[in-house]
Amino acid sequence: MSSDVHVSINYGILMVVEEIQEYLKTELQIQATQQDIIENAIVALQIELKKANEQPHNHKN
């Protein structure tokens, strides 16, 4: 009976560890996606800034 309890506990621990692993994989995927979005936004803003700096400026004094 004692070995059955140990097997049951070990199986329960394994299940929890697998759940945590899946959660962490999901979190890492979310973070990677967020990083990609931020990097794309930075590139887009740099392009817009470059375009704005290339346009002639009309200064009225």
Protein backbone atom coordinates (compact mmCIF):
# COMPACT_ATOMS: atom_id res chain seq x y z
CA MET A 1 0.00 0.00 0.00
CA SER A 2 2.85 2.37 0.82
CA SER A 3 4.26 2.08 -2.72
CA ASP A 4 0.82 2.86 -4.17
CA VAL A 5 0.75 6.09 -2.17
CA HIS A 6 4.22 7.05 -3.41
CA VAL A 7 3.28 6.30 -7.02
CA SER A 8 0.12 8.37 -6.64
CA ILE A 9 2.02 11.29 -5.09
CA ASN A 10 4.78 11.11 -7.72
CA TYR A 11 2.18 11.04 -10.49
CA GLY A 12 0.44 14.05 -8.94
CA ILE A 13 3.73 15.94 -8.75
CA LEU A 14 4.50 15.03 -12.37
CA MET A 15 1.11 16.35 -13.48
CA VAL A 16 1.68 19.65 -11.63
CA VAL A 17 5.15 20.00 -13.13
CA GLU A 18 3.75 19.38 -16.64
CA GLU A 19 1.05 22.00 -16.07
CA ILE A 20 3.66 24.52 -14.92
CA GLN A 21 5.81 23.69 -17.94
CA GLU A 22 2.91 24.32 -20.33
CA TYR A 23 2.08 27.58 -18.54
CA LEU A 24 5.68 28.78 -18.82
CA LYS A 25 5.85 27.84 -22.52
CA THR A 26 2.70 29.87 -23.12
CA GLU A 27 4.07 32.82 -21.16
CA LEU A 28 7.33 32.74 -23.12
CA GLN A 29 5.42 32.65 -26.40
CA ILE A 30 3.34 35.65 -25.29
CA GLN A 31 6.48 37.57 -24.30
CA ALA A 32 8.16 36.75 -27.62
CA THR A 33 5.09 37.97 -29.50
CA GLN A 34 4.99 41.16 -27.45
CA GLN A 35 8.69 41.73 -28.14
CA ASP A 36 8.10 41.28 -31.89
CA ILE A 37 5.23 43.78 -31.77
CA ILE A 38 7.37 46.33 -29.92
CA GLU A 39 10.29 45.87 -32.32
CA ASN A 40 7.96 46.27 -35.32
CA ALA A 41 6.49 49.42 -33.81
CA ILE A 42 9.98 50.86 -33.26
CA VAL A 43 10.94 50.15 -36.88
CA ALA A 44 7.70 51.73 -38.12
CA LEU A 45 8.29 54.83 -35.99
CA GLN A 46 11.88 55.09 -37.23
CA ILE A 47 10.65 54.94 -40.84
CA GLU A 48 8.04 57.63 -40.17
CA LEU A 49 10.64 59.82 -38.45
CA LYS A 50 13.01 59.42 -41.39
CA LYS A 51 10.21 60.35 -43.82
CA ALA A 52 9.32 63.40 -41.73
CA ASN A 53 12.95 64.52 -41.63
CA GLU A 54 13.30 64.13 -45.40
CA GLN A 55 10.33 66.37 -46.20
CA PRO A 56 11.09 70.05 -46.85
CA HIS A 57 10.27 72.28 -43.94
CA ASN A 58 8.33 75.50 -44.49
CA HIS A 59 9.53 77.95 -41.86
CA LYS A 60 7.65 81.23 -41.72
CA ASN A 61 9.31 83.99 -39.76
